[in-house]
ModelCIF file with pLDDT and N, C-alpha, C, O atoms, coordinates in Angstrom:
data_MODEL
#
_entry.id   MODEL 
#
_entity.id                         1 
_entity.type                       polymer 
_entity.pdbx_number_of_molecules   1 
#
_entity_poly.entity_id                      1 
_entity_poly.type                           'polypeptide(L)' 
_entity_poly.nstd_linkage                   no 
_entity_poly.nstd_monomer                   no 
_entity_poly.pdbx_seq_one_letter_code       
;(UNK)(UNK)(UNK)(UNK)(UNK)(UNK)(UNK)(UNK)(UNK)(UNK)(UNK)(UNK)(UNK)(UNK)(UNK)(UNK)
(UNK)(UNK)(UNK)(UNK)(UNK)(UNK)(UNK)(UNK)(UNK)(UNK)(UNK)(UNK)(UNK)(UNK)(UNK)(UNK)
(UNK)(UNK)(UNK)(UNK)(UNK)(UNK)(UNK)(UNK)(UNK)(UNK)(UNK)(UNK)(UNK)(UNK)(UNK)(UNK)
;
_entity_poly.pdbx_seq_one_letter_code_can   XXXXXXXXXXXXXXXXXXXXXXXXXXXXXXXXXXXXXXXXXXXXXXXX 
_entity_poly.pdbx_strand_id                 A 
#
loop_
_entity_poly_seq.entity_id 
_entity_poly_seq.num 
_entity_poly_seq.mon_id 
_entity_poly_seq.hetero 
1 1  UNK n 
1 2  UNK n 
1 3  UNK n 
1 4  UNK n 
1 5  UNK n 
1 6  UNK n 
1 7  UNK n 
1 8  UNK n 
1 9  UNK n 
1 10 UNK n 
1 11 UNK n 
1 12 UNK n 
1 13 UNK n 
1 14 UNK n 
1 15 UNK n 
1 16 UNK n 
1 17 UNK n 
1 18 UNK n 
1 19 UNK n 
1 20 UNK n 
1 21 UNK n 
1 22 UNK n 
1 23 UNK n 
1 24 UNK n 
1 25 UNK n 
1 26 UNK n 
1 27 UNK n 
1 28 UNK n 
1 29 UNK n 
1 30 UNK n 
1 31 UNK n 
1 32 UNK n 
1 33 UNK n 
1 34 UNK n 
1 35 UNK n 
1 36 UNK n 
1 37 UNK n 
1 38 UNK n 
1 39 UNK n 
1 40 UNK n 
1 41 UNK n 
1 42 UNK n 
1 43 UNK n 
1 44 UNK n 
1 45 UNK n 
1 46 UNK n 
1 47 UNK n 
1 48 UNK n 
#
_struct_asym.id          A 
_struct_asym.entity_id   1 
#
loop_
_ma_qa_metric.id 
_ma_qa_metric.mode 
_ma_qa_metric.name 
_ma_qa_metric.software_group_id 
_ma_qa_metric.type 
1 global pLDDT . pLDDT 
2 local  pLDDT . pLDDT 
#
_ma_qa_metric_global.metric_id      1 
_ma_qa_metric_global.metric_value   94.77 
_ma_qa_metric_global.model_id       1 
_ma_qa_metric_global.ordinal_id     1 
#
loop_
_ma_qa_metric_local.label_asym_id 
_ma_qa_metric_local.label_comp_id 
_ma_qa_metric_local.label_seq_id 
_ma_qa_metric_local.metric_id 
_ma_qa_metric_local.metric_value 
_ma_qa_metric_local.model_id 
_ma_qa_metric_local.ordinal_id 
A UNK 1  2 88.00 1 1  
A UNK 2  2 82.00 1 2  
A UNK 3  2 79.00 1 3  
A UNK 4  2 85.00 1 4  
A UNK 5  2 91.00 1 5  
A UNK 6  2 94.00 1 6  
A UNK 7  2 92.00 1 7  
A UNK 8  2 92.00 1 8  
A UNK 9  2 95.00 1 9  
A UNK 10 2 95.00 1 10 
A UNK 11 2 95.00 1 11 
A UNK 12 2 95.00 1 12 
A UNK 13 2 96.00 1 13 
A UNK 14 2 94.00 1 14 
A UNK 15 2 92.00 1 15 
A UNK 16 2 89.00 1 16 
A UNK 17 2 87.00 1 17 
A UNK 18 2 92.00 1 18 
A UNK 19 2 94.00 1 19 
A UNK 20 2 96.00 1 20 
A UNK 21 2 96.00 1 21 
A UNK 22 2 97.00 1 22 
A UNK 23 2 98.00 1 23 
A UNK 24 2 98.00 1 24 
A UNK 25 2 98.00 1 25 
A UNK 26 2 98.00 1 26 
A UNK 27 2 98.00 1 27 
A UNK 28 2 98.00 1 28 
A UNK 29 2 98.00 1 29 
A UNK 30 2 98.00 1 30 
A UNK 31 2 98.00 1 31 
A UNK 32 2 97.00 1 32 
A UNK 33 2 97.00 1 33 
A UNK 34 2 97.00 1 34 
A UNK 35 2 96.00 1 35 
A UNK 36 2 96.00 1 36 
A UNK 37 2 97.00 1 37 
A UNK 38 2 96.00 1 38 
A UNK 39 2 97.00 1 39 
A UNK 40 2 97.00 1 40 
A UNK 41 2 96.00 1 41 
A UNK 42 2 97.00 1 42 
A UNK 43 2 98.00 1 43 
A UNK 44 2 98.00 1 44 
A UNK 45 2 98.00 1 45 
A UNK 46 2 98.00 1 46 
A UNK 47 2 98.00 1 47 
A UNK 48 2 98.00 1 48 
#
loop_
_atom_site.group_PDB 
_atom_site.id 
_atom_site.type_symbol 
_atom_site.label_atom_id 
_atom_site.label_alt_id 
_atom_site.label_comp_id 
_atom_site.label_asym_id 
_atom_site.label_entity_id 
_atom_site.label_seq_id 
_atom_site.pdbx_PDB_ins_code 
_atom_site.Cartn_x 
_atom_site.Cartn_y 
_atom_site.Cartn_z 
_atom_site.occupancy 
_atom_site.B_iso_or_equiv 
_atom_site.pdbx_formal_charge 
_atom_site.auth_seq_id 
_atom_site.auth_comp_id 
_atom_site.auth_asym_id 
_atom_site.auth_atom_id 
_atom_site.pdbx_PDB_model_num 
ATOM 1   N N  . UNK A 1 1  ? -83.706 21.136 -65.193 1.00 88.00 ? 1  UNK A N  1 
ATOM 2   C CA . UNK A 1 1  ? -84.373 22.387 -65.573 1.00 88.00 ? 1  UNK A CA 1 
ATOM 3   C C  . UNK A 1 1  ? -83.341 23.355 -66.170 1.00 88.00 ? 1  UNK A C  1 
ATOM 4   O O  . UNK A 1 1  ? -83.180 24.455 -65.641 1.00 88.00 ? 1  UNK A O  1 
ATOM 5   N N  . UNK A 1 2  ? -82.639 22.992 -67.245 1.00 82.00 ? 2  UNK A N  1 
ATOM 6   C CA . UNK A 1 2  ? -81.501 23.793 -67.717 1.00 82.00 ? 2  UNK A CA 1 
ATOM 7   C C  . UNK A 1 2  ? -81.857 25.216 -68.123 1.00 82.00 ? 2  UNK A C  1 
ATOM 8   O O  . UNK A 1 2  ? -81.050 26.129 -67.948 1.00 82.00 ? 2  UNK A O  1 
ATOM 9   N N  . UNK A 1 3  ? -83.042 25.413 -68.656 1.00 79.00 ? 3  UNK A N  1 
ATOM 10  C CA . UNK A 1 3  ? -83.397 26.743 -69.152 1.00 79.00 ? 3  UNK A CA 1 
ATOM 11  C C  . UNK A 1 3  ? -84.328 27.501 -68.221 1.00 79.00 ? 3  UNK A C  1 
ATOM 12  O O  . UNK A 1 3  ? -84.750 28.613 -68.538 1.00 79.00 ? 3  UNK A O  1 
ATOM 13  N N  . UNK A 1 4  ? -84.651 26.915 -67.077 1.00 85.00 ? 4  UNK A N  1 
ATOM 14  C CA . UNK A 1 4  ? -85.622 27.558 -66.198 1.00 85.00 ? 4  UNK A CA 1 
ATOM 15  C C  . UNK A 1 4  ? -85.186 27.606 -64.740 1.00 85.00 ? 4  UNK A C  1 
ATOM 16  O O  . UNK A 1 4  ? -85.823 28.276 -63.926 1.00 85.00 ? 4  UNK A O  1 
ATOM 17  N N  . UNK A 1 5  ? -84.121 26.911 -64.404 1.00 91.00 ? 5  UNK A N  1 
ATOM 18  C CA . UNK A 1 5  ? -83.759 26.714 -63.006 1.00 91.00 ? 5  UNK A CA 1 
ATOM 19  C C  . UNK A 1 5  ? -83.650 28.030 -62.233 1.00 91.00 ? 5  UNK A C  1 
ATOM 20  O O  . UNK A 1 5  ? -84.258 28.167 -61.172 1.00 91.00 ? 5  UNK A O  1 
ATOM 21  N N  . UNK A 1 6  ? -82.886 29.001 -62.745 1.00 94.00 ? 6  UNK A N  1 
ATOM 22  C CA . UNK A 1 6  ? -82.665 30.225 -61.979 1.00 94.00 ? 6  UNK A CA 1 
ATOM 23  C C  . UNK A 1 6  ? -83.927 31.075 -61.908 1.00 94.00 ? 6  UNK A C  1 
ATOM 24  O O  . UNK A 1 6  ? -84.256 31.614 -60.851 1.00 94.00 ? 6  UNK A O  1 
ATOM 25  N N  . UNK A 1 7  ? -84.626 31.194 -63.019 1.00 92.00 ? 7  UNK A N  1 
ATOM 26  C CA . UNK A 1 7  ? -85.839 32.001 -63.036 1.00 92.00 ? 7  UNK A CA 1 
ATOM 27  C C  . UNK A 1 7  ? -86.893 31.456 -62.083 1.00 92.00 ? 7  UNK A C  1 
ATOM 28  O O  . UNK A 1 7  ? -87.643 32.217 -61.471 1.00 92.00 ? 7  UNK A O  1 
ATOM 29  N N  . UNK A 1 8  ? -86.944 30.131 -61.962 1.00 92.00 ? 8  UNK A N  1 
ATOM 30  C CA . UNK A 1 8  ? -87.951 29.504 -61.110 1.00 92.00 ? 8  UNK A CA 1 
ATOM 31  C C  . UNK A 1 8  ? -87.539 29.442 -59.642 1.00 92.00 ? 8  UNK A C  1 
ATOM 32  O O  . UNK A 1 8  ? -88.386 29.530 -58.753 1.00 92.00 ? 8  UNK A O  1 
ATOM 33  N N  . UNK A 1 9  ? -86.250 29.290 -59.392 1.00 95.00 ? 9  UNK A N  1 
ATOM 34  C CA . UNK A 1 9  ? -85.819 29.038 -58.018 1.00 95.00 ? 9  UNK A CA 1 
ATOM 35  C C  . UNK A 1 9  ? -85.445 30.309 -57.260 1.00 95.00 ? 9  UNK A C  1 
ATOM 36  O O  . UNK A 1 9  ? -85.595 30.350 -56.039 1.00 95.00 ? 9  UNK A O  1 
ATOM 37  N N  . UNK A 1 10 ? -84.960 31.353 -57.947 1.00 95.00 ? 10 UNK A N  1 
ATOM 38  C CA . UNK A 1 10 ? -84.536 32.583 -57.277 1.00 95.00 ? 10 UNK A CA 1 
ATOM 39  C C  . UNK A 1 10 ? -85.640 33.209 -56.421 1.00 95.00 ? 10 UNK A C  1 
ATOM 40  O O  . UNK A 1 10 ? -85.352 33.672 -55.317 1.00 95.00 ? 10 UNK A O  1 
ATOM 41  N N  . UNK A 1 11 ? -86.897 33.240 -56.890 1.00 95.00 ? 11 UNK A N  1 
ATOM 42  C CA . UNK A 1 11 ? -87.944 33.849 -56.047 1.00 95.00 ? 11 UNK A CA 1 
ATOM 43  C C  . UNK A 1 11 ? -88.104 33.176 -54.682 1.00 95.00 ? 11 UNK A C  1 
ATOM 44  O O  . UNK A 1 11 ? -88.672 33.766 -53.763 1.00 95.00 ? 11 UNK A O  1 
ATOM 45  N N  . UNK A 1 12 ? -87.611 31.956 -54.548 1.00 95.00 ? 12 UNK A N  1 
ATOM 46  C CA . UNK A 1 12 ? -87.750 31.228 -53.286 1.00 95.00 ? 12 UNK A CA 1 
ATOM 47  C C  . UNK A 1 12 ? -86.471 31.273 -52.438 1.00 95.00 ? 12 UNK A C  1 
ATOM 48  O O  . UNK A 1 12 ? -86.423 30.691 -51.355 1.00 95.00 ? 12 UNK A O  1 
ATOM 49  N N  . UNK A 1 13 ? -85.430 31.972 -52.939 1.00 96.00 ? 13 UNK A N  1 
ATOM 50  C CA . UNK A 1 13 ? -84.203 32.114 -52.159 1.00 96.00 ? 13 UNK A CA 1 
ATOM 51  C C  . UNK A 1 13 ? -84.463 32.960 -50.916 1.00 96.00 ? 13 UNK A C  1 
ATOM 52  O O  . UNK A 1 13 ? -85.197 33.947 -50.963 1.00 96.00 ? 13 UNK A O  1 
ATOM 53  N N  . UNK A 1 14 ? -83.857 32.560 -49.815 1.00 94.00 ? 14 UNK A N  1 
ATOM 54  C CA . UNK A 1 14 ? -83.899 33.385 -48.613 1.00 94.00 ? 14 UNK A CA 1 
ATOM 55  C C  . UNK A 1 14 ? -83.094 34.654 -48.869 1.00 94.00 ? 14 UNK A C  1 
ATOM 56  O O  . UNK A 1 14 ? -82.023 34.602 -49.474 1.00 94.00 ? 14 UNK A O  1 
ATOM 57  N N  . UNK A 1 15 ? -83.607 35.790 -48.411 1.00 92.00 ? 15 UNK A N  1 
ATOM 58  C CA . UNK A 1 15 ? -82.885 37.054 -48.611 1.00 92.00 ? 15 UNK A CA 1 
ATOM 59  C C  . UNK A 1 15 ? -81.888 37.323 -47.493 1.00 92.00 ? 15 UNK A C  1 
ATOM 60  O O  . UNK A 1 15 ? -81.133 38.293 -47.553 1.00 92.00 ? 15 UNK A O  1 
ATOM 61  N N  . UNK A 1 16 ? -81.881 36.463 -46.468 1.00 89.00 ? 16 UNK A N  1 
ATOM 62  C CA . UNK A 1 16 ? -80.962 36.637 -45.342 1.00 89.00 ? 16 UNK A CA 1 
ATOM 63  C C  . UNK A 1 16 ? -79.540 36.292 -45.764 1.00 89.00 ? 16 UNK A C  1 
ATOM 64  O O  . UNK A 1 16 ? -79.299 35.232 -46.341 1.00 89.00 ? 16 UNK A O  1 
ATOM 65  N N  . UNK A 1 17 ? -78.603 37.186 -45.476 1.00 87.00 ? 17 UNK A N  1 
ATOM 66  C CA . UNK A 1 17 ? -77.209 36.955 -45.871 1.00 87.00 ? 17 UNK A CA 1 
ATOM 67  C C  . UNK A 1 17 ? -76.480 36.172 -44.781 1.00 87.00 ? 17 UNK A C  1 
ATOM 68  O O  . UNK A 1 17 ? -75.591 36.703 -44.115 1.00 87.00 ? 17 UNK A O  1 
ATOM 69  N N  . UNK A 1 18 ? -76.857 34.928 -44.606 1.00 92.00 ? 18 UNK A N  1 
ATOM 70  C CA . UNK A 1 18 ? -76.156 34.031 -43.678 1.00 92.00 ? 18 UNK A CA 1 
ATOM 71  C C  . UNK A 1 18 ? -75.146 33.224 -44.491 1.00 92.00 ? 18 UNK A C  1 
ATOM 72  O O  . UNK A 1 18 ? -75.352 32.989 -45.682 1.00 92.00 ? 18 UNK A O  1 
ATOM 73  N N  . UNK A 1 19 ? -74.069 32.806 -43.857 1.00 94.00 ? 19 UNK A N  1 
ATOM 74  C CA . UNK A 1 19 ? -73.022 32.073 -44.567 1.00 94.00 ? 19 UNK A CA 1 
ATOM 75  C C  . UNK A 1 19 ? -73.568 30.818 -45.239 1.00 94.00 ? 19 UNK A C  1 
ATOM 76  O O  . UNK A 1 19 ? -73.227 30.531 -46.387 1.00 94.00 ? 19 UNK A O  1 
ATOM 77  N N  . UNK A 1 20 ? -74.415 30.067 -44.531 1.00 96.00 ? 20 UNK A N  1 
ATOM 78  C CA . UNK A 1 20 ? -74.970 28.838 -45.103 1.00 96.00 ? 20 UNK A CA 1 
ATOM 79  C C  . UNK A 1 20 ? -75.787 29.143 -46.353 1.00 96.00 ? 20 UNK A C  1 
ATOM 80  O O  . UNK A 1 20 ? -75.624 28.484 -47.379 1.00 96.00 ? 20 UNK A O  1 
ATOM 81  N N  . UNK A 1 21 ? -76.674 30.152 -46.267 1.00 96.00 ? 21 UNK A N  1 
ATOM 82  C CA . UNK A 1 21 ? -77.497 30.529 -47.418 1.00 96.00 ? 21 UNK A CA 1 
ATOM 83  C C  . UNK A 1 21 ? -76.628 30.996 -48.580 1.00 96.00 ? 21 UNK A C  1 
ATOM 84  O O  . UNK A 1 21 ? -76.810 30.579 -49.724 1.00 96.00 ? 21 UNK A O  1 
ATOM 85  N N  . UNK A 1 22 ? -75.681 31.871 -48.256 1.00 97.00 ? 22 UNK A N  1 
ATOM 86  C CA . UNK A 1 22 ? -74.814 32.440 -49.293 1.00 97.00 ? 22 UNK A CA 1 
ATOM 87  C C  . UNK A 1 22 ? -74.040 31.341 -50.025 1.00 97.00 ? 22 UNK A C  1 
ATOM 88  O O  . UNK A 1 22 ? -73.959 31.352 -51.254 1.00 97.00 ? 22 UNK A O  1 
ATOM 89  N N  . UNK A 1 23 ? -73.481 30.408 -49.288 1.00 98.00 ? 23 UNK A N  1 
ATOM 90  C CA . UNK A 1 23 ? -72.708 29.328 -49.899 1.00 98.00 ? 23 UNK A CA 1 
ATOM 91  C C  . UNK A 1 23 ? -73.587 28.472 -50.807 1.00 98.00 ? 23 UNK A C  1 
ATOM 92  O O  . UNK A 1 23 ? -73.177 28.112 -51.911 1.00 98.00 ? 23 UNK A O  1 
ATOM 93  N N  . UNK A 1 24 ? -74.796 28.145 -50.345 1.00 98.00 ? 24 UNK A N  1 
ATOM 94  C CA . UNK A 1 24 ? -75.712 27.341 -51.149 1.00 98.00 ? 24 UNK A CA 1 
ATOM 95  C C  . UNK A 1 24 ? -76.137 28.083 -52.408 1.00 98.00 ? 24 UNK A C  1 
ATOM 96  O O  . UNK A 1 24 ? -76.136 27.510 -53.497 1.00 98.00 ? 24 UNK A O  1 
ATOM 97  N N  . UNK A 1 25 ? -76.499 29.358 -52.267 1.00 98.00 ? 25 UNK A N  1 
ATOM 98  C CA . UNK A 1 25 ? -76.932 30.140 -53.426 1.00 98.00 ? 25 UNK A CA 1 
ATOM 99  C C  . UNK A 1 25 ? -75.815 30.269 -54.461 1.00 98.00 ? 25 UNK A C  1 
ATOM 100 O O  . UNK A 1 25 ? -76.039 30.087 -55.657 1.00 98.00 ? 25 UNK A O  1 
ATOM 101 N N  . UNK A 1 26 ? -74.608 30.587 -53.985 1.00 98.00 ? 26 UNK A N  1 
ATOM 102 C CA . UNK A 1 26 ? -73.480 30.753 -54.911 1.00 98.00 ? 26 UNK A CA 1 
ATOM 103 C C  . UNK A 1 26 ? -73.179 29.429 -55.623 1.00 98.00 ? 26 UNK A C  1 
ATOM 104 O O  . UNK A 1 26 ? -72.798 29.428 -56.793 1.00 98.00 ? 26 UNK A O  1 
ATOM 105 N N  . UNK A 1 27 ? -73.349 28.321 -54.929 1.00 98.00 ? 27 UNK A N  1 
ATOM 106 C CA . UNK A 1 27 ? -73.151 27.018 -55.564 1.00 98.00 ? 27 UNK A CA 1 
ATOM 107 C C  . UNK A 1 27 ? -74.186 26.787 -56.667 1.00 98.00 ? 27 UNK A C  1 
ATOM 108 O O  . UNK A 1 27 ? -73.840 26.300 -57.743 1.00 98.00 ? 27 UNK A O  1 
ATOM 109 N N  . UNK A 1 28 ? -75.443 27.129 -56.413 1.00 98.00 ? 28 UNK A N  1 
ATOM 110 C CA . UNK A 1 28 ? -76.498 26.966 -57.422 1.00 98.00 ? 28 UNK A CA 1 
ATOM 111 C C  . UNK A 1 28 ? -76.233 27.868 -58.618 1.00 98.00 ? 28 UNK A C  1 
ATOM 112 O O  . UNK A 1 28 ? -76.324 27.423 -59.763 1.00 98.00 ? 28 UNK A O  1 
ATOM 113 N N  . UNK A 1 29 ? -75.906 29.135 -58.362 1.00 98.00 ? 29 UNK A N  1 
ATOM 114 C CA . UNK A 1 29 ? -75.582 30.055 -59.457 1.00 98.00 ? 29 UNK A CA 1 
ATOM 115 C C  . UNK A 1 29 ? -74.373 29.560 -60.249 1.00 98.00 ? 29 UNK A C  1 
ATOM 116 O O  . UNK A 1 29 ? -74.379 29.579 -61.479 1.00 98.00 ? 29 UNK A O  1 
ATOM 117 N N  . UNK A 1 30 ? -73.342 29.120 -59.538 1.00 98.00 ? 30 UNK A N  1 
ATOM 118 C CA . UNK A 1 30 ? -72.091 28.721 -60.187 1.00 98.00 ? 30 UNK A CA 1 
ATOM 119 C C  . UNK A 1 30 ? -72.271 27.485 -61.060 1.00 98.00 ? 30 UNK A C  1 
ATOM 120 O O  . UNK A 1 30 ? -71.741 27.423 -62.169 1.00 98.00 ? 30 UNK A O  1 
ATOM 121 N N  . UNK A 1 31 ? -73.012 26.507 -60.566 1.00 98.00 ? 31 UNK A N  1 
ATOM 122 C CA . UNK A 1 31 ? -73.277 25.303 -61.363 1.00 98.00 ? 31 UNK A CA 1 
ATOM 123 C C  . UNK A 1 31 ? -74.080 25.676 -62.603 1.00 98.00 ? 31 UNK A C  1 
ATOM 124 O O  . UNK A 1 31 ? -73.815 25.161 -63.689 1.00 98.00 ? 31 UNK A O  1 
ATOM 125 N N  . UNK A 1 32 ? -75.057 26.563 -62.455 1.00 97.00 ? 32 UNK A N  1 
ATOM 126 C CA . UNK A 1 32 ? -75.864 26.990 -63.601 1.00 97.00 ? 32 UNK A CA 1 
ATOM 127 C C  . UNK A 1 32 ? -75.002 27.699 -64.641 1.00 97.00 ? 32 UNK A C  1 
ATOM 128 O O  . UNK A 1 32 ? -75.096 27.410 -65.834 1.00 97.00 ? 32 UNK A O  1 
ATOM 129 N N  . UNK A 1 33 ? -74.161 28.627 -64.185 1.00 97.00 ? 33 UNK A N  1 
ATOM 130 C CA . UNK A 1 33 ? -73.298 29.351 -65.118 1.00 97.00 ? 33 UNK A CA 1 
ATOM 131 C C  . UNK A 1 33 ? -72.304 28.407 -65.782 1.00 97.00 ? 33 UNK A C  1 
ATOM 132 O O  . UNK A 1 33 ? -72.076 28.500 -66.988 1.00 97.00 ? 33 UNK A O  1 
ATOM 133 N N  . UNK A 1 34 ? -71.714 27.506 -65.015 1.00 97.00 ? 34 UNK A N  1 
ATOM 134 C CA . UNK A 1 34 ? -70.772 26.527 -65.580 1.00 97.00 ? 34 UNK A CA 1 
ATOM 135 C C  . UNK A 1 34 ? -71.459 25.656 -66.624 1.00 97.00 ? 34 UNK A C  1 
ATOM 136 O O  . UNK A 1 34 ? -70.866 25.319 -67.650 1.00 97.00 ? 34 UNK A O  1 
ATOM 137 N N  . UNK A 1 35 ? -72.706 25.294 -66.360 1.00 96.00 ? 35 UNK A N  1 
ATOM 138 C CA . UNK A 1 35 ? -73.476 24.475 -67.309 1.00 96.00 ? 35 UNK A CA 1 
ATOM 139 C C  . UNK A 1 35 ? -73.717 25.252 -68.596 1.00 96.00 ? 35 UNK A C  1 
ATOM 140 O O  . UNK A 1 35 ? -73.568 24.699 -69.685 1.00 96.00 ? 35 UNK A O  1 
ATOM 141 N N  . UNK A 1 36 ? -74.089 26.524 -68.487 1.00 96.00 ? 36 UNK A N  1 
ATOM 142 C CA . UNK A 1 36 ? -74.330 27.349 -69.675 1.00 96.00 ? 36 UNK A CA 1 
ATOM 143 C C  . UNK A 1 36 ? -73.044 27.620 -70.442 1.00 96.00 ? 36 UNK A C  1 
ATOM 144 O O  . UNK A 1 36 ? -73.073 27.829 -71.655 1.00 96.00 ? 36 UNK A O  1 
ATOM 145 N N  . UNK A 1 37 ? -71.911 27.618 -69.737 1.00 97.00 ? 37 UNK A N  1 
ATOM 146 C CA . UNK A 1 37 ? -70.614 27.803 -70.397 1.00 97.00 ? 37 UNK A CA 1 
ATOM 147 C C  . UNK A 1 37 ? -70.093 26.509 -71.009 1.00 97.00 ? 37 UNK A C  1 
ATOM 148 O O  . UNK A 1 37 ? -69.027 26.478 -71.623 1.00 97.00 ? 37 UNK A O  1 
ATOM 149 N N  . UNK A 1 38 ? -70.879 25.429 -70.827 1.00 96.00 ? 38 UNK A N  1 
ATOM 150 C CA . UNK A 1 38 ? -70.542 24.111 -71.375 1.00 96.00 ? 38 UNK A CA 1 
ATOM 151 C C  . UNK A 1 38 ? -69.228 23.558 -70.817 1.00 96.00 ? 38 UNK A C  1 
ATOM 152 O O  . UNK A 1 38 ? -68.442 22.945 -71.540 1.00 96.00 ? 38 UNK A O  1 
ATOM 153 N N  . UNK A 1 39 ? -69.005 23.783 -69.527 1.00 97.00 ? 39 UNK A N  1 
ATOM 154 C CA . UNK A 1 39 ? -67.842 23.188 -68.881 1.00 97.00 ? 39 UNK A CA 1 
ATOM 155 C C  . UNK A 1 39 ? -68.042 21.687 -68.747 1.00 97.00 ? 39 UNK A C  1 
ATOM 156 O O  . UNK A 1 39 ? -69.171 21.196 -68.757 1.00 97.00 ? 39 UNK A O  1 
ATOM 157 N N  . UNK A 1 40 ? -66.941 20.969 -68.622 1.00 97.00 ? 40 UNK A N  1 
ATOM 158 C CA . UNK A 1 40 ? -67.008 19.520 -68.455 1.00 97.00 ? 40 UNK A CA 1 
ATOM 159 C C  . UNK A 1 40 ? -67.626 19.173 -67.099 1.00 97.00 ? 40 UNK A C  1 
ATOM 160 O O  . UNK A 1 40 ? -67.612 19.980 -66.170 1.00 97.00 ? 40 UNK A O  1 
ATOM 161 N N  . UNK A 1 41 ? -68.166 17.955 -67.008 1.00 96.00 ? 41 UNK A N  1 
ATOM 162 C CA . UNK A 1 41 ? -68.801 17.496 -65.768 1.00 96.00 ? 41 UNK A CA 1 
ATOM 163 C C  . UNK A 1 41 ? -67.848 17.627 -64.585 1.00 96.00 ? 41 UNK A C  1 
ATOM 164 O O  . UNK A 1 41 ? -68.244 18.064 -63.505 1.00 96.00 ? 41 UNK A O  1 
ATOM 165 N N  . UNK A 1 42 ? -66.602 17.248 -64.795 1.00 97.00 ? 42 UNK A N  1 
ATOM 166 C CA . UNK A 1 42 ? -65.604 17.323 -63.725 1.00 97.00 ? 42 UNK A CA 1 
ATOM 167 C C  . UNK A 1 42 ? -65.437 18.760 -63.234 1.00 97.00 ? 42 UNK A C  1 
ATOM 168 O O  . UNK A 1 42 ? -65.318 18.996 -62.031 1.00 97.00 ? 42 UNK A O  1 
ATOM 169 N N  . UNK A 1 43 ? -65.428 19.717 -64.158 1.00 98.00 ? 43 UNK A N  1 
ATOM 170 C CA . UNK A 1 43 ? -65.267 21.121 -63.786 1.00 98.00 ? 43 UNK A CA 1 
ATOM 171 C C  . UNK A 1 43 ? -66.502 21.654 -63.054 1.00 98.00 ? 43 UNK A C  1 
ATOM 172 O O  . UNK A 1 43 ? -66.387 22.488 -62.156 1.00 98.00 ? 43 UNK A O  1 
ATOM 173 N N  . UNK A 1 44 ? -67.687 21.165 -63.446 1.00 98.00 ? 44 UNK A N  1 
ATOM 174 C CA . UNK A 1 44 ? -68.913 21.598 -62.780 1.00 98.00 ? 44 UNK A CA 1 
ATOM 175 C C  . UNK A 1 44 ? -68.909 21.155 -61.321 1.00 98.00 ? 44 UNK A C  1 
ATOM 176 O O  . UNK A 1 44 ? -69.309 21.910 -60.435 1.00 98.00 ? 44 UNK A O  1 
ATOM 177 N N  . UNK A 1 45 ? -68.455 19.929 -61.077 1.00 98.00 ? 45 UNK A N  1 
ATOM 178 C CA . UNK A 1 45 ? -68.343 19.438 -59.696 1.00 98.00 ? 45 UNK A CA 1 
ATOM 179 C C  . UNK A 1 45 ? -67.311 20.276 -58.925 1.00 98.00 ? 45 UNK A C  1 
ATOM 180 O O  . UNK A 1 45 ? -67.531 20.624 -57.765 1.00 98.00 ? 45 UNK A O  1 
ATOM 181 N N  . UNK A 1 46 ? -66.203 20.591 -59.569 1.00 98.00 ? 46 UNK A N  1 
ATOM 182 C CA . UNK A 1 46 ? -65.160 21.386 -58.918 1.00 98.00 ? 46 UNK A CA 1 
ATOM 183 C C  . UNK A 1 46 ? -65.651 22.781 -58.556 1.00 98.00 ? 46 UNK A C  1 
ATOM 184 O O  . UNK A 1 46 ? -65.377 23.270 -57.460 1.00 98.00 ? 46 UNK A O  1 
ATOM 185 N N  . UNK A 1 47 ? -66.375 23.426 -59.471 1.00 98.00 ? 47 UNK A N  1 
ATOM 186 C CA . UNK A 1 47 ? -66.851 24.782 -59.189 1.00 98.00 ? 47 UNK A CA 1 
ATOM 187 C C  . UNK A 1 47 ? -67.894 24.759 -58.080 1.00 98.00 ? 47 UNK A C  1 
ATOM 188 O O  . UNK A 1 47 ? -67.987 25.706 -57.298 1.00 98.00 ? 47 UNK A O  1 
ATOM 189 N N  . UNK A 1 48 ? -68.684 23.684 -58.002 1.00 98.00 ? 48 UNK A N  1 
ATOM 190 C CA . UNK A 1 48 ? -69.681 23.559 -56.928 1.00 98.00 ? 48 UNK A CA 1 
ATOM 191 C C  . UNK A 1 48 ? -68.993 23.455 -55.572 1.00 98.00 ? 48 UNK A C  1 
ATOM 192 O O  . UNK A 1 48 ? -69.665 23.343 -54.546 1.00 98.00 ? 48 UNK A O  1 
#
C-alpha cells in the first residue's frame, strides 16, 4: 500500500503512549518515509 498505508492505518493507531506502541508506530512511519525517500532495501531494514 505505498501511497495509502499511512492515511489508512493511522486512524487505527492506539493513542496510548506505551513503549511497545511507540516503537511499533515509529517503525511503521520510518519504513514509510524511507520508502518514499527511495532508500535501498538494506537501509529500510536498518531503519526499521
